[in-house]
PDB file of N, CA and C in Angstrom:
ATOM      1  N   MET A   1     -12.372  17.355  77.070  1.00  0.00           N
ATOM      2  CA  MET A   1     -11.161  17.296  77.825  1.00  0.00           C
ATOM      3  C   MET A   1     -11.075  15.915  78.457  1.00  0.00           C
ATOM      4  N   ALA A   2      -9.901  15.303  78.378  1.00  0.00           N
ATOM      5  CA  ALA A   2      -9.709  13.961  78.923  1.00  0.00           C
ATOM      6  C   ALA A   2      -8.241  13.758  79.274  1.00  0.00           C
ATOM      7  N   LEU A   3      -7.982  12.818  80.139  1.00  0.00           N
ATOM      8  CA  LEU A   3      -6.602  12.452  80.444  1.00  0.00           C
ATOM      9  C   LEU A   3      -6.055  11.656  79.278  1.00  0.00           C
ATOM     10  N   ASP A   4      -4.807  11.942  78.898  1.00  0.00           N
ATOM     11  CA  ASP A   4      -4.220  11.272  77.741  1.00  0.00           C
ATOM     12  C   ASP A   4      -2.710  11.387  77.820  1.00  0.00           C
ATOM     13  N   GLU A   5      -2.031  10.590  77.036  1.00  0.00           N
ATOM     14  CA  GLU A   5      -0.585  10.675  76.882  1.00  0.00           C
ATOM     15  C   GLU A   5      -0.305  11.321  75.525  1.00  0.00           C
ATOM     16  N   PRO A   6       0.766  12.140  75.435  1.00  0.00           N
ATOM     17  CA  PRO A   6       1.058  12.799  74.169  1.00  0.00           C
ATOM     18  C   PRO A   6       1.447  11.802  73.068  1.00  0.00           C
ATOM     19  N   LYS A   7       1.044  12.136  71.845  1.00  0.00           N
ATOM     20  CA  LYS A   7       1.393  11.370  70.656  1.00  0.00           C
ATOM     21  C   LYS A   7       2.158  12.283  69.699  1.00  0.00           C
ATOM     22  N   ALA A   8       2.708  11.727  68.661  1.00  0.00           N
ATOM     23  CA  ALA A   8       3.466  12.511  67.685  1.00  0.00           C
ATOM     24  C   ALA A   8       2.593  13.546  66.993  1.00  0.00           C
ATOM     25  N   THR A   9       1.281  13.335  66.975  1.00  0.00           N
ATOM     26  CA  THR A   9       0.349  14.253  66.305  1.00  0.00           C
ATOM     27  C   THR A   9      -0.186  15.334  67.249  1.00  0.00           C
ATOM     28  N   ASP A  10       0.394  15.467  68.438  1.00  0.00           N
ATOM     29  CA  ASP A  10      -0.079  16.413  69.448  1.00  0.00           C
ATOM     30  C   ASP A  10       0.915  17.540  69.682  1.00  0.00           C
ATOM     31  N   ASP A  11       0.393  18.698  70.088  1.00  0.00           N
ATOM     32  CA  ASP A  11       1.186  19.782  70.668  1.00  0.00           C
ATOM     33  C   ASP A  11       1.056  19.646  72.180  1.00  0.00           C
ATOM     34  N   VAL A  12       2.142  19.893  72.909  1.00  0.00           N
ATOM     35  CA  VAL A  12       2.137  19.793  74.372  1.00  0.00           C
ATOM     36  C   VAL A  12       2.501  21.155  74.945  1.00  0.00           C
ATOM     37  N   PHE A  13       1.680  21.623  75.889  1.00  0.00           N
ATOM     38  CA  PHE A  13       1.894  22.910  76.542  1.00  0.00           C
ATOM     39  C   PHE A  13       1.978  22.690  78.046  1.00  0.00           C
ATOM     40  N   ASP A  14       3.040  23.184  78.695  1.00  0.00           N
ATOM     41  CA  ASP A  14       3.170  23.145  80.146  1.00  0.00           C
ATOM     42  C   ASP A  14       2.881  24.549  80.661  1.00  0.00           C
ATOM     43  N   ILE A  15       1.755  24.686  81.385  1.00  0.00           N
ATOM     44  CA  ILE A  15       1.321  25.997  81.862  1.00  0.00           C
ATOM     45  C   ILE A  15       0.960  25.891  83.338  1.00  0.00           C
ATOM     46  N   GLU A  16       1.680  26.636  84.171  1.00  0.00           N
ATOM     47  CA  GLU A  16       1.420  26.733  85.607  1.00  0.00           C
ATOM     48  C   GLU A  16       1.245  25.372  86.271  1.00  0.00           C
ATOM     49  N   GLY A  17       2.121  24.435  85.939  1.00  0.00           N
ATOM     50  CA  GLY A  17       2.094  23.125  86.583  1.00  0.00           C
ATOM     51  C   GLY A  17       1.148  22.116  85.956  1.00  0.00           C
ATOM     52  N   PHE A  18       0.442  22.505  84.916  1.00  0.00           N
ATOM     53  CA  PHE A  18      -0.468  21.596  84.214  1.00  0.00           C
ATOM     54  C   PHE A  18       0.070  21.349  82.815  1.00  0.00           C
ATOM     55  N   GLN A  19      -0.080  20.110  82.345  1.00  0.00           N
ATOM     56  CA  GLN A  19       0.314  19.778  80.988  1.00  0.00           C
ATOM     57  C   GLN A  19      -0.945  19.628  80.142  1.00  0.00           C
ATOM     58  N   TYR A  20      -1.014  20.395  79.067  1.00  0.00           N
ATOM     59  CA  TYR A  20      -2.149  20.342  78.142  1.00  0.00           C
ATOM     60  C   TYR A  20      -1.676  19.703  76.843  1.00  0.00           C
ATOM     61  N   ILE A  21      -2.417  18.719  76.377  1.00  0.00           N
ATOM     62  CA  ILE A  21      -2.088  18.005  75.152  1.00  0.00           C
ATOM     63  C   ILE A  21      -3.226  18.256  74.167  1.00  0.00           C
ATOM     64  N   VAL A  22      -2.885  18.797  73.000  1.00  0.00           N
ATOM     65  CA  VAL A  22      -3.902  19.146  72.007  1.00  0.00           C
ATOM     66  C   VAL A  22      -3.470  18.585  70.651  1.00  0.00           C
ATOM     67  N   ASP A  23      -4.382  17.895  69.988  1.00  0.00           N
ATOM     68  CA  ASP A  23      -4.115  17.404  68.648  1.00  0.00           C
ATOM     69  C   ASP A  23      -3.760  18.586  67.738  1.00  0.00           C
ATOM     70  N   LYS A  24      -2.684  18.441  66.958  1.00  0.00           N
ATOM     71  CA  LYS A  24      -2.205  19.550  66.127  1.00  0.00           C
ATOM     72  C   LYS A  24      -3.251  20.026  65.120  1.00  0.00           C
ATOM     73  N   ASP A  25      -3.970  19.103  64.473  1.00  0.00           N
ATOM     74  CA  ASP A  25      -5.007  19.500  63.514  1.00  0.00           C
ATOM     75  C   ASP A  25      -6.139  20.247  64.203  1.00  0.00           C
ATOM     76  N   PHE A  26      -6.562  19.754  65.382  1.00  0.00           N
ATOM     77  CA  PHE A  26      -7.617  20.436  66.141  1.00  0.00           C
ATOM     78  C   PHE A  26      -7.153  21.823  66.576  1.00  0.00           C
ATOM     79  N   MET A  27      -5.888  21.937  66.972  1.00  0.00           N
ATOM     80  CA  MET A  27      -5.356  23.218  67.432  1.00  0.00           C
ATOM     81  C   MET A  27      -5.427  24.266  66.327  1.00  0.00           C
ATOM     82  N   GLN A  28      -5.210  23.872  65.085  1.00  0.00           N
ATOM     83  CA  GLN A  28      -5.306  24.823  63.978  1.00  0.00           C
ATOM     84  C   GLN A  28      -6.718  25.368  63.838  1.00  0.00           C
ATOM     85  N   LYS A  29      -7.739  24.550  64.115  1.00  0.00           N
ATOM     86  CA  LYS A  29      -9.132  24.974  64.013  1.00  0.00           C
ATOM     87  C   LYS A  29      -9.586  25.771  65.233  1.00  0.00           C
ATOM     88  N   ALA A  30      -9.110  25.393  66.421  1.00  0.00           N
ATOM     89  CA  ALA A  30      -9.639  25.928  67.675  1.00  0.00           C
ATOM     90  C   ALA A  30      -8.841  27.097  68.249  1.00  0.00           C
ATOM     91  N   ASN A  31      -7.640  27.330  67.775  1.00  0.00           N
ATOM     92  CA  ASN A  31      -6.757  28.334  68.347  1.00  0.00           C
ATOM     93  C   ASN A  31      -7.384  29.722  68.275  1.00  0.00           C
ATOM     94  N   PRO A  32      -7.395  30.500  69.333  1.00  0.00           N
ATOM     95  CA  PRO A  32      -6.824  30.220  70.647  1.00  0.00           C
ATOM     96  C   PRO A  32      -7.776  29.417  71.527  1.00  0.00           C
ATOM     97  N   ILE A  33      -7.186  28.635  72.429  1.00  0.00           N
ATOM     98  CA  ILE A  33      -7.955  27.869  73.418  1.00  0.00           C
ATOM     99  C   ILE A  33      -7.653  28.448  74.794  1.00  0.00           C
ATOM    100  N   LYS A  34      -8.701  28.655  75.592  1.00  0.00           N
ATOM    101  CA  LYS A  34      -8.547  29.196  76.945  1.00  0.00           C
ATOM    102  C   LYS A  34      -9.267  28.263  77.912  1.00  0.00           C
ATOM    103  N   VAL A  35      -8.584  27.869  79.002  1.00  0.00           N
ATOM    104  CA  VAL A  35      -9.167  27.015  80.032  1.00  0.00           C
ATOM    105  C   VAL A  35      -9.222  27.823  81.319  1.00  0.00           C
ATOM    106  N   ASP A  36     -10.424  28.010  81.868  1.00  0.00           N
ATOM    107  CA  ASP A  36     -10.610  28.702  83.144  1.00  0.00           C
ATOM    108  C   ASP A  36     -11.091  27.702  84.176  1.00  0.00           C
ATOM    109  N   PHE A  37     -10.385  27.622  85.322  1.00  0.00           N
ATOM    110  CA  PHE A  37     -10.778  26.737  86.417  1.00  0.00           C
ATOM    111  C   PHE A  37     -11.528  27.527  87.474  1.00  0.00           C
ATOM    112  N   SER A  38     -12.509  26.880  88.111  1.00  0.00           N
ATOM    113  CA  SER A  38     -13.231  27.482  89.229  1.00  0.00           C
ATOM    114  C   SER A  38     -13.471  26.402  90.274  1.00  0.00           C
ATOM    115  N   GLU A  39     -14.143  26.757  91.346  1.00  0.00           N
ATOM    116  CA  GLU A  39     -14.422  25.787  92.404  1.00  0.00           C
ATOM    117  C   GLU A  39     -15.356  24.675  91.946  1.00  0.00           C
ATOM    118  N   ILE A  40     -16.171  24.919  90.914  1.00  0.00           N
ATOM    119  CA  ILE A  40     -17.145  23.918  90.482  1.00  0.00           C
ATOM    120  C   ILE A  40     -16.747  23.191  89.201  1.00  0.00           C
ATOM    121  N   GLY A  41     -15.575  23.499  88.649  1.00  0.00           N
ATOM    122  CA  GLY A  41     -15.150  22.812  87.438  1.00  0.00           C
ATOM    123  C   GLY A  41     -14.296  23.700  86.564  1.00  0.00           C
ATOM    124  N   PHE A  42     -14.489  23.607  85.277  1.00  0.00           N
ATOM    125  CA  PHE A  42     -13.713  24.394  84.340  1.00  0.00           C
ATOM    126  C   PHE A  42     -14.572  24.822  83.164  1.00  0.00           C
ATOM    127  N   LYS A  43     -14.073  25.832  82.448  1.00  0.00           N
ATOM    128  CA  LYS A  43     -14.745  26.329  81.258  1.00  0.00           C
ATOM    129  C   LYS A  43     -13.723  26.394  80.138  1.00  0.00           C
ATOM    130  N   LEU A  44     -14.095  25.897  78.976  1.00  0.00           N
ATOM    131  CA  LEU A  44     -13.240  25.950  77.802  1.00  0.00           C
ATOM    132  C   LEU A  44     -13.792  26.962  76.814  1.00  0.00           C
ATOM    133  N   ASP A  45     -12.933  27.832  76.311  1.00  0.00           N
ATOM    134  CA  ASP A  45     -13.293  28.766  75.250  1.00  0.00           C
ATOM    135  C   ASP A  45     -12.310  28.557  74.107  1.00  0.00           C
ATOM    136  N   CYS A  46     -12.832  28.597  72.883  1.00  0.00           N
ATOM    137  CA  CYS A  46     -11.963  28.472  71.727  1.00  0.00           C
ATOM    138  C   CYS A  46     -12.614  29.148  70.527  1.00  0.00           C
ATOM    139  N   ALA A  47     -11.934  29.102  69.381  1.00  0.00           N
ATOM    140  CA  ALA A  47     -12.409  29.777  68.180  1.00  0.00           C
ATOM    141  C   ALA A  47     -13.538  29.035  67.478  1.00  0.00           C
ATOM    142  N   ILE A  48     -13.855  27.827  67.895  1.00  0.00           N
ATOM    143  CA  ILE A  48     -14.919  27.042  67.269  1.00  0.00           C
ATOM    144  C   ILE A  48     -16.258  27.415  67.889  1.00  0.00           C
ATOM    145  N   ASP A  49     -17.254  27.685  67.063  1.00  0.00           N
ATOM    146  CA  ASP A  49     -18.604  27.995  67.542  1.00  0.00           C
ATOM    147  C   ASP A  49     -19.401  26.695  67.647  1.00  0.00           C
ATOM    148  N   PHE A  50     -19.691  26.269  68.881  1.00  0.00           N
ATOM    149  CA  PHE A  50     -20.451  25.053  69.110  1.00  0.00           C
ATOM    150  C   PHE A  50     -21.948  25.314  69.239  1.00  0.00           C
ATOM    151  N   GLY A  51     -22.384  26.527  69.042  1.00  0.00           N
ATOM    152  CA  GLY A  51     -23.797  26.854  69.149  1.00  0.00           C
ATOM    153  C   GLY A  51     -24.172  27.247  70.564  1.00  0.00           C
ATOM    154  N   ALA A  52     -25.429  27.010  70.929  1.00  0.00           N
ATOM    155  CA  ALA A  52     -25.970  27.469  72.212  1.00  0.00           C
ATOM    156  C   ALA A  52     -25.576  26.589  73.385  1.00  0.00           C
ATOM    157  N   GLY A  53     -24.999  25.457  73.177  1.00  0.00           N
ATOM    158  CA  GLY A  53     -24.621  24.567  74.269  1.00  0.00           C
ATOM    159  C   GLY A  53     -24.572  23.155  73.753  1.00  0.00           C
ATOM    160  N   CYS A  54     -24.356  22.235  74.656  1.00  0.00           N
ATOM    161  CA  CYS A  54     -24.267  20.847  74.239  1.00  0.00           C
ATOM    162  C   CYS A  54     -25.138  19.973  75.152  1.00  0.00           C
ATOM    163  N   SER A  55     -25.392  18.760  74.728  1.00  0.00           N
ATOM    164  CA  SER A  55     -26.184  17.872  75.565  1.00  0.00           C
ATOM    165  C   SER A  55     -25.354  16.736  76.130  1.00  0.00           C
ATOM    166  N   GLY A  56     -24.134  16.562  75.658  1.00  0.00           N
ATOM    167  CA  GLY A  56     -23.322  15.429  76.099  1.00  0.00           C
ATOM    168  C   GLY A  56     -22.752  15.565  77.488  1.00  0.00           C
ATOM    169  N   CYS A  57     -22.520  16.806  77.965  1.00  0.00           N
ATOM    170  CA  CYS A  57     -21.878  16.956  79.263  1.00  0.00           C
ATOM    171  C   CYS A  57     -22.863  17.360  80.360  1.00  0.00           C
ATOM    172  N   GLY A  58     -24.091  17.646  80.023  1.00  0.00           N
ATOM    173  CA  GLY A  58     -25.078  17.998  81.030  1.00  0.00           C
ATOM    174  C   GLY A  58     -25.046  19.448  81.464  1.00  0.00           C
ATOM    175  N   SER A  59     -24.224  20.276  80.827  1.00  0.00           N
ATOM    176  CA  SER A  59     -24.123  21.680  81.201  1.00  0.00           C
ATOM    177  C   SER A  59     -24.120  22.543  79.951  1.00  0.00           C
ATOM    178  N   THR A  60     -24.813  23.670  79.987  1.00  0.00           N
ATOM    179  CA  THR A  60     -24.778  24.576  78.832  1.00  0.00           C
ATOM    180  C   THR A  60     -23.786  25.709  79.033  1.00  0.00           C
ATOM    181  N   SER A  61     -23.308  25.917  80.271  1.00  0.00           N
ATOM    182  CA  SER A  61     -22.429  27.067  80.518  1.00  0.00           C
ATOM    183  C   SER A  61     -20.965  26.740  80.281  1.00  0.00           C
ATOM    184  N   THR A  62     -20.590  25.487  80.126  1.00  0.00           N
ATOM    185  CA  THR A  62     -19.173  25.148  79.978  1.00  0.00           C
ATOM    186  C   THR A  62     -18.883  24.441  78.675  1.00  0.00           C
ATOM    187  N   CYS A  63     -19.759  24.539  77.706  1.00  0.00           N
ATOM    188  CA  CYS A  63     -19.586  23.767  76.465  1.00  0.00           C
ATOM    189  C   CYS A  63     -19.322  24.640  75.256  1.00  0.00           C
ATOM    190  N   GLY A  64     -18.618  25.706  75.399  1.00  0.00           N
ATOM    191  CA  GLY A  64     -18.261  26.510  74.240  1.00  0.00           C
ATOM    192  C   GLY A  64     -19.050  27.738  74.210  1.00  0.00           C
TER     193      GLY A  64
END
């Protein structure tokens, strides 16, 4: 997840005051995508299986 401006290759979703920009090709692979916010950050869930966690973000509970 990153801040970005929409491009012609993106889908744009306005949900509860937030704008989500997702690459159209990625959206076909990951759909459905769910973003849950909490006091300590956010969690992303999608149709892609990333395995047991990731090492790039420093957290195993929010990486798929």
